[in-house]
Amino acid sequence: MRSLRSRYGEDAPALTLMAAKDRDPFLVLIACLLSLRTKDEVTDQAMGRLLKRARRPEEIAAMPVEELEKIIYPVGFYRNKARTIKEVSRTILQSHGGLVPRTIDELLTLRGVGRKTANIVLTEGFQQPGIAVDTHVHRISNRLGAVKTKTPHETEKALRQVLPQQYWISYNALLVTHGRRICRPISPLCSQCPVQAYCGRIGVLRSR
């Protein structure tokens, strides 16, 4: 982890950088929902437009869905996401007193929220321990040999057993950045890898 931190410094995915500006769990949740299958820069721009119009669940819940669609376009599946964001906002107001839930189990009851999103809300919104596992984290953790798992959920459970809790919050951001820059799915740039000496290179058939 120290090698990755030394290599990437303050570099981080857009969602992590946005959360660092304003540790607001609701905004982190909305950004997560927008970011699914959407490039960082598109998510960042959509959040910028949305923040000019609404920042609180009551504001989004009261907004016409057509207006919300126009604001967040062109994020992927923007029509579905507009409806999801409105429903999540209403649920938070009606069932949680206007506050984002602070536990994974409660977060998972919200429409569109899976374990990755729930863990990101915990780590980036509340600064609580959690391990958000996406395709990068799943792939690299197995490639390193830290875990031997078949699904992101299995990876999360395994990492909770082997990864010291002090690294949980930063693990996702570091591995996402590493996965985009160096440890790519096909032909990773192993010659430039800061953790090459510790990597089992599991499943790597060709590298650069």
C-alpha atoms as a PDB file:
ATOM      1  CA  MET A   1       0.000   0.000   0.000  1.00  0.00           C
ATOM      2  CA  ARG A   2       2.867   2.362   0.775  1.00  0.00           C
ATOM      3  CA  SER A   3       4.318   1.766  -2.697  1.00  0.00           C
ATOM      4  CA  LEU A   4       0.992   2.596  -4.350  1.00  0.00           C
ATOM      5  CA  ARG A   5       0.533   5.724  -2.239  1.00  0.00           C
ATOM      6  CA  SER A   6       4.052   6.846  -3.069  1.00  0.00           C
ATOM      7  CA  ARG A   7       3.460   6.287  -6.790  1.00  0.00           C
ATOM      8  CA  TYR A   8       0.053   7.916  -7.143  1.00  0.00           C
ATOM      9  CA  GLY A   9       0.136  10.510  -4.366  1.00  0.00           C
ATOM     10  CA  GLU A  10      -2.974  12.671  -4.540  1.00  0.00           C
ATOM     11  CA  ASP A  11      -4.101  11.147  -7.840  1.00  0.00           C
ATOM     12  CA  ALA A  12      -7.479   9.470  -7.408  1.00  0.00           C
ATOM     13  CA  PRO A  13     -10.714   8.639  -9.230  1.00  0.00           C
ATOM     14  CA  ALA A  14     -13.079  11.571  -9.768  1.00  0.00           C
ATOM     15  CA  LEU A  15     -15.543  10.261  -7.191  1.00  0.00           C
ATOM     16  CA  THR A  16     -12.887  10.211  -4.476  1.00  0.00           C
ATOM     17  CA  LEU A  17     -11.723  13.724  -5.342  1.00  0.00           C
ATOM     18  CA  MET A  18     -15.302  15.018  -5.312  1.00  0.00           C
ATOM     19  CA  ALA A  19     -16.011  13.418  -1.941  1.00  0.00           C
ATOM     20  CA  ALA A  20     -12.864  14.952  -0.463  1.00  0.00           C
ATOM     21  CA  LYS A  21     -14.171  18.459  -1.229  1.00  0.00           C
ATOM     22  CA  ASP A  22     -17.383  17.986   0.722  1.00  0.00           C
ATOM     23  CA  ARG A  23     -17.832  14.928   2.925  1.00  0.00           C
ATOM     24  CA  ASP A  24     -21.567  14.828   2.289  1.00  0.00           C
ATOM     25  CA  PRO A  25     -22.893  11.241   2.276  1.00  0.00           C
ATOM     26  CA  PHE A  26     -25.928  12.204   0.182  1.00  0.00           C
ATOM     27  CA  LEU A  27     -23.827  13.776  -2.563  1.00  0.00           C
ATOM     28  CA  VAL A  28     -21.453  10.803  -2.523  1.00  0.00           C
ATOM     29  CA  LEU A  29     -24.445   8.480  -2.902  1.00  0.00           C
ATOM     30  CA  ILE A  30     -25.872  10.452  -5.832  1.00  0.00           C
ATOM     31  CA  ALA A  31     -22.454  10.626  -7.523  1.00  0.00           C
ATOM     32  CA  CYS A  32     -22.087   6.847  -7.136  1.00  0.00           C
ATOM     33  CA  LEU A  33     -25.465   6.235  -8.749  1.00  0.00           C
ATOM     34  CA  LEU A  34     -24.577   8.537 -11.636  1.00  0.00           C
ATOM     35  CA  SER A  35     -21.125   7.010 -12.119  1.00  0.00           C
ATOM     36  CA  LEU A  36     -22.262   3.474 -12.915  1.00  0.00           C
ATOM     37  CA  ARG A  37     -21.168   2.647 -16.492  1.00  0.00           C
ATOM     38  CA  THR A  38     -20.213   6.287 -17.029  1.00  0.00           C
ATOM     39  CA  LYS A  39     -16.800   7.897 -17.543  1.00  0.00           C
ATOM     40  CA  ASP A  40     -15.379   9.967 -14.701  1.00  0.00           C
ATOM     41  CA  GLU A  41     -15.428  13.235 -16.610  1.00  0.00           C
ATOM     42  CA  VAL A  42     -19.082  12.778 -17.617  1.00  0.00           C
ATOM     43  CA  THR A  43     -20.064  12.003 -14.019  1.00  0.00           C
ATOM     44  CA  ASP A  44     -18.115  15.005 -12.755  1.00  0.00           C
ATOM     45  CA  GLN A  45     -19.792  17.348 -15.229  1.00  0.00           C
ATOM     46  CA  ALA A  46     -23.264  15.973 -14.479  1.00  0.00           C
ATOM     47  CA  MET A  47     -22.711  16.409 -10.739  1.00  0.00           C
ATOM     48  CA  GLY A  48     -21.555  19.974 -11.327  1.00  0.00           C
ATOM     49  CA  ARG A  49     -24.795  20.792 -13.159  1.00  0.00           C
ATOM     50  CA  LEU A  50     -26.917  19.034 -10.542  1.00  0.00           C
ATOM     51  CA  LEU A  51     -25.278  20.853  -7.634  1.00  0.00           C
ATOM     52  CA  LYS A  52     -26.261  24.185  -9.165  1.00  0.00           C
ATOM     53  CA  ARG A  53     -29.905  23.095  -8.984  1.00  0.00           C
ATOM     54  CA  ALA A  54     -30.164  20.780  -5.963  1.00  0.00           C
ATOM     55  CA  ARG A  55     -28.025  19.441  -3.115  1.00  0.00           C
ATOM     56  CA  ARG A  56     -30.537  17.912  -0.714  1.00  0.00           C
ATOM     57  CA  PRO A  57     -32.917  14.929  -0.976  1.00  0.00           C
ATOM     58  CA  GLU A  58     -35.986  17.146  -0.600  1.00  0.00           C
ATOM     59  CA  GLU A  59     -34.858  19.268  -3.551  1.00  0.00           C
ATOM     60  CA  ILE A  60     -34.312  16.278  -5.822  1.00  0.00           C
ATOM     61  CA  ALA A  61     -37.525  14.571  -4.684  1.00  0.00           C
ATOM     62  CA  ALA A  62     -39.502  17.672  -5.667  1.00  0.00           C
ATOM     63  CA  MET A  63     -37.830  18.045  -9.064  1.00  0.00           C
ATOM     64  CA  PRO A  64     -39.710  16.899 -12.193  1.00  0.00           C
ATOM     65  CA  VAL A  65     -38.058  13.760 -13.528  1.00  0.00           C
ATOM     66  CA  GLU A  66     -37.817  15.335 -16.992  1.00  0.00           C
ATOM     67  CA  GLU A  67     -35.745  18.195 -15.591  1.00  0.00           C
ATOM     68  CA  LEU A  68     -33.494  15.770 -13.755  1.00  0.00           C
ATOM     69  CA  GLU A  69     -32.983  13.795 -16.959  1.00  0.00           C
ATOM     70  CA  LYS A  70     -31.858  16.923 -18.805  1.00  0.00           C
ATOM     71  CA  ILE A  71     -29.449  17.869 -16.027  1.00  0.00           C
ATOM     72  CA  ILE A  72     -27.672  14.517 -15.810  1.00  0.00           C
ATOM     73  CA  TYR A  73     -27.614  13.733 -19.555  1.00  0.00           C
ATOM     74  CA  PRO A  74     -25.419  12.229 -21.110  1.00  0.00           C
ATOM     75  CA  VAL A  75     -24.579   9.831 -18.254  1.00  0.00           C
ATOM     76  CA  GLY A  76     -25.259   6.221 -19.159  1.00  0.00           C
ATOM     77  CA  PHE A  77     -28.885   5.136 -18.729  1.00  0.00           C
ATOM     78  CA  TYR A  78     -29.768   8.680 -17.688  1.00  0.00           C
ATOM     79  CA  ARG A  79     -33.541   8.115 -17.757  1.00  0.00           C
ATOM     80  CA  ASN A  80     -33.344   5.124 -15.419  1.00  0.00           C
ATOM     81  CA  LYS A  81     -30.871   6.937 -13.190  1.00  0.00           C
ATOM     82  CA  ALA A  82     -33.117  10.001 -12.928  1.00  0.00           C
ATOM     83  CA  ARG A  83     -35.972   7.827 -11.655  1.00  0.00           C
ATOM     84  CA  THR A  84     -33.627   5.961  -9.317  1.00  0.00           C
ATOM     85  CA  ILE A  85     -32.213   9.159  -7.834  1.00  0.00           C
ATOM     86  CA  LYS A  86     -35.700  10.553  -7.240  1.00  0.00           C
ATOM     87  CA  GLU A  87     -36.875   7.347  -5.564  1.00  0.00           C
ATOM     88  CA  VAL A  88     -33.749   7.145  -3.402  1.00  0.00           C
ATOM     89  CA  SER A  89     -34.276  10.760  -2.329  1.00  0.00           C
ATOM     90  CA  ARG A  90     -37.912  10.062  -1.396  1.00  0.00           C
ATOM     91  CA  THR A  91     -36.950   6.920   0.525  1.00  0.00           C
ATOM     92  CA  ILE A  92     -34.302   8.803   2.491  1.00  0.00           C
ATOM     93  CA  LEU A  93     -36.880  11.452   3.381  1.00  0.00           C
ATOM     94  CA  GLN A  94     -39.705   9.069   4.232  1.00  0.00           C
ATOM     95  CA  SER A  95     -37.837   6.202   5.899  1.00  0.00           C
ATOM     96  CA  HIS A  96     -34.606   7.703   7.239  1.00  0.00           C
ATOM     97  CA  GLY A  97     -35.519  11.181   8.441  1.00  0.00           C
ATOM     98  CA  GLY A  98     -33.749  12.846   5.532  1.00  0.00           C
ATOM     99  CA  LEU A  99     -30.377  11.333   6.441  1.00  0.00           C
ATOM    100  CA  VAL A 100     -28.388   8.779   4.463  1.00  0.00           C
ATOM    101  CA  PRO A 101     -28.214   5.435   6.337  1.00  0.00           C
ATOM    102  CA  ARG A 102     -24.890   4.669   8.012  1.00  0.00           C
ATOM    103  CA  THR A 103     -24.877   0.863   7.698  1.00  0.00           C
ATOM    104  CA  ILE A 104     -24.405  -1.417   4.703  1.00  0.00           C
ATOM    105  CA  ASP A 105     -27.616  -3.325   5.400  1.00  0.00           C
ATOM    106  CA  GLU A 106     -29.691  -0.129   5.403  1.00  0.00           C
ATOM    107  CA  LEU A 107     -27.925   1.288   2.354  1.00  0.00           C
ATOM    108  CA  LEU A 108     -28.636  -1.910   0.435  1.00  0.00           C
ATOM    109  CA  THR A 109     -32.387  -1.333   0.868  1.00  0.00           C
ATOM    110  CA  LEU A 110     -32.149   1.771  -1.343  1.00  0.00           C
ATOM    111  CA  ARG A 111     -33.004   1.348  -5.016  1.00  0.00           C
ATOM    112  CA  GLY A 112     -29.955   0.889  -7.235  1.00  0.00           C
ATOM    113  CA  VAL A 113     -27.500   0.497  -4.351  1.00  0.00           C
ATOM    114  CA  GLY A 114     -25.247  -2.562  -4.392  1.00  0.00           C
ATOM    115  CA  ARG A 115     -22.372  -3.466  -2.111  1.00  0.00           C
ATOM    116  CA  LYS A 116     -19.802  -1.412  -4.025  1.00  0.00           C
ATOM    117  CA  THR A 117     -21.895   1.751  -3.818  1.00  0.00           C
ATOM    118  CA  ALA A 118     -22.776   1.095  -0.173  1.00  0.00           C
ATOM    119  CA  ASN A 119     -19.109   0.704   0.747  1.00  0.00           C
ATOM    120  CA  ILE A 120     -18.129   3.858  -1.145  1.00  0.00           C
ATOM    121  CA  VAL A 121     -20.785   5.830   0.745  1.00  0.00           C
ATOM    122  CA  LEU A 122     -19.397   4.487   4.022  1.00  0.00           C
ATOM    123  CA  THR A 123     -15.751   5.151   3.178  1.00  0.00           C
ATOM    124  CA  GLU A 124     -15.986   8.404   1.233  1.00  0.00           C
ATOM    125  CA  GLY A 125     -19.134   9.879   2.781  1.00  0.00           C
ATOM    126  CA  PHE A 126     -18.803   8.847   6.415  1.00  0.00           C
ATOM    127  CA  GLN A 127     -15.084   7.957   6.600  1.00  0.00           C
ATOM    128  CA  GLN A 128     -16.083   4.608   8.088  1.00  0.00           C
ATOM    129  CA  PRO A 129     -14.209   1.377   7.347  1.00  0.00           C
ATOM    130  CA  GLY A 130     -15.412  -0.454   4.265  1.00  0.00           C
ATOM    131  CA  ILE A 131     -13.961  -2.153   1.188  1.00  0.00           C
ATOM    132  CA  ALA A 132     -15.519  -1.120  -2.104  1.00  0.00           C
ATOM    133  CA  VAL A 133     -14.827  -3.802  -4.703  1.00  0.00           C
ATOM    134  CA  ASP A 134     -15.226  -3.022  -8.395  1.00  0.00           C
ATOM    135  CA  THR A 135     -13.720  -4.796 -11.399  1.00  0.00           C
ATOM    136  CA  HIS A 136     -10.282  -3.228 -10.799  1.00  0.00           C
ATOM    137  CA  VAL A 137     -10.148  -4.195  -7.118  1.00  0.00           C
ATOM    138  CA  HIS A 138     -11.402  -7.717  -7.855  1.00  0.00           C
ATOM    139  CA  ARG A 139      -8.946  -8.268 -10.720  1.00  0.00           C
ATOM    140  CA  ILE A 140      -5.861  -6.808  -9.050  1.00  0.00           C
ATOM    141  CA  SER A 141      -6.446  -8.431  -5.653  1.00  0.00           C
ATOM    142  CA  ASN A 142      -6.574 -11.822  -7.381  1.00  0.00           C
ATOM    143  CA  ARG A 143      -3.655 -11.021  -9.692  1.00  0.00           C
ATOM    144  CA  LEU A 144      -1.505 -10.071  -6.718  1.00  0.00           C
ATOM    145  CA  GLY A 145      -2.418 -13.336  -5.011  1.00  0.00           C
ATOM    146  CA  ALA A 146      -3.928 -11.552  -2.014  1.00  0.00           C
ATOM    147  CA  VAL A 147      -7.184 -13.456  -2.525  1.00  0.00           C
ATOM    148  CA  LYS A 148      -8.467 -16.310  -4.657  1.00  0.00           C
ATOM    149  CA  THR A 149     -12.064 -15.483  -5.492  1.00  0.00           C
ATOM    150  CA  LYS A 150     -14.545 -15.596  -8.357  1.00  0.00           C
ATOM    151  CA  THR A 151     -16.847 -12.656  -7.620  1.00  0.00           C
ATOM    152  CA  PRO A 152     -16.506  -9.109  -6.233  1.00  0.00           C
ATOM    153  CA  HIS A 153     -18.605 -10.085  -3.203  1.00  0.00           C
ATOM    154  CA  GLU A 154     -16.266 -12.996  -2.456  1.00  0.00           C
ATOM    155  CA  THR A 155     -13.324 -10.621  -2.875  1.00  0.00           C
ATOM    156  CA  GLU A 156     -14.791  -8.165  -0.379  1.00  0.00           C
ATOM    157  CA  LYS A 157     -15.306 -10.907   2.209  1.00  0.00           C
ATOM    158  CA  ALA A 158     -11.804 -12.294   1.664  1.00  0.00           C
ATOM    159  CA  LEU A 159     -10.154  -8.868   1.859  1.00  0.00           C
ATOM    160  CA  ARG A 160     -11.915  -8.182   5.154  1.00  0.00           C
ATOM    161  CA  GLN A 161     -10.011 -11.189   6.513  1.00  0.00           C
ATOM    162  CA  VAL A 162      -6.540 -10.408   5.143  1.00  0.00           C
ATOM    163  CA  LEU A 163      -6.309  -6.622   4.664  1.00  0.00           C
ATOM    164  CA  PRO A 164      -5.509  -4.537   7.774  1.00  0.00           C
ATOM    165  CA  GLN A 165      -8.446  -2.239   8.508  1.00  0.00           C
ATOM    166  CA  GLN A 166      -6.238   0.852   8.375  1.00  0.00           C
ATOM    167  CA  TYR A 167      -6.067   0.381   4.585  1.00  0.00           C
ATOM    168  CA  TRP A 168      -9.748  -0.287   3.909  1.00  0.00           C
ATOM    169  CA  ILE A 169     -10.807   3.285   3.163  1.00  0.00           C
ATOM    170  CA  SER A 170      -8.003   4.014   0.671  1.00  0.00           C
ATOM    171  CA  TYR A 171      -7.828   0.553  -0.949  1.00  0.00           C
ATOM    172  CA  ASN A 172     -10.444   1.158  -3.635  1.00  0.00           C
ATOM    173  CA  ALA A 173      -9.106   4.511  -4.840  1.00  0.00           C
ATOM    174  CA  LEU A 174      -5.518   3.243  -5.017  1.00  0.00           C
ATOM    175  CA  LEU A 175      -6.367   0.060  -6.902  1.00  0.00           C
ATOM    176  CA  VAL A 176      -8.746   1.800  -9.303  1.00  0.00           C
ATOM    177  CA  THR A 177      -6.008   4.286 -10.201  1.00  0.00           C
ATOM    178  CA  HIS A 178      -3.450   1.474 -10.464  1.00  0.00           C
ATOM    179  CA  GLY A 179      -5.813  -0.555 -12.643  1.00  0.00           C
ATOM    180  CA  ARG A 180      -6.388   2.304 -15.043  1.00  0.00           C
ATOM    181  CA  ARG A 181      -2.729   3.292 -15.299  1.00  0.00           C
ATOM    182  CA  ILE A 182      -0.697   0.095 -14.987  1.00  0.00           C
ATOM    183  CA  CYS A 183      -2.508  -3.109 -14.016  1.00  0.00           C
ATOM    184  CA  ARG A 184      -4.826  -3.323 -17.001  1.00  0.00           C
ATOM    185  CA  PRO A 185      -7.020  -6.344 -17.738  1.00  0.00           C
ATOM    186  CA  ILE A 186      -5.007  -7.361 -20.816  1.00  0.00           C
ATOM    187  CA  SER A 187      -1.253  -6.952 -21.217  1.00  0.00           C
ATOM    188  CA  PRO A 188      -0.588  -4.998 -17.995  1.00  0.00           C
ATOM    189  CA  LEU A 189       2.426  -2.686 -17.819  1.00  0.00           C
ATOM    190  CA  CYS A 190       4.322  -4.879 -15.360  1.00  0.00           C
ATOM    191  CA  SER A 191       7.667  -3.243 -16.191  1.00  0.00           C
ATOM    192  CA  GLN A 192       6.323   0.017 -14.707  1.00  0.00           C
ATOM    193  CA  CYS A 193       4.527  -1.504 -11.716  1.00  0.00           C
ATOM    194  CA  PRO A 194       5.449  -0.135  -8.253  1.00  0.00           C
ATOM    195  CA  VAL A 195       4.401  -3.416  -6.589  1.00  0.00           C
ATOM    196  CA  GLN A 196       5.953  -5.791  -9.122  1.00  0.00           C
ATOM    197  CA  ALA A 197       8.175  -7.365  -6.469  1.00  0.00           C
ATOM    198  CA  TYR A 198       5.126  -8.386  -4.427  1.00  0.00           C
ATOM    199  CA  CYS A 199       2.879  -9.533  -7.283  1.00  0.00           C
ATOM    200  CA  GLY A 200       2.072 -13.166  -7.992  1.00  0.00           C
ATOM    201  CA  ARG A 201       1.085 -12.243 -11.574  1.00  0.00           C
ATOM    202  CA  ILE A 202      -1.794 -14.701 -11.288  1.00  0.00           C
ATOM    203  CA  GLY A 203      -3.442 -15.176 -14.669  1.00  0.00           C
ATOM    204  CA  VAL A 204      -1.060 -12.842 -16.523  1.00  0.00           C
ATOM    205  CA  LEU A 205      -0.206 -14.405 -19.880  1.00  0.00           C
ATOM    206  CA  ARG A 206       1.396 -11.378 -21.521  1.00  0.00           C
ATOM    207  CA  SER A 207       2.717  -8.108 -20.140  1.00  0.00           C
ATOM    208  CA  ARG A 208       4.710  -5.071 -21.171  1.00  0.00           C
END
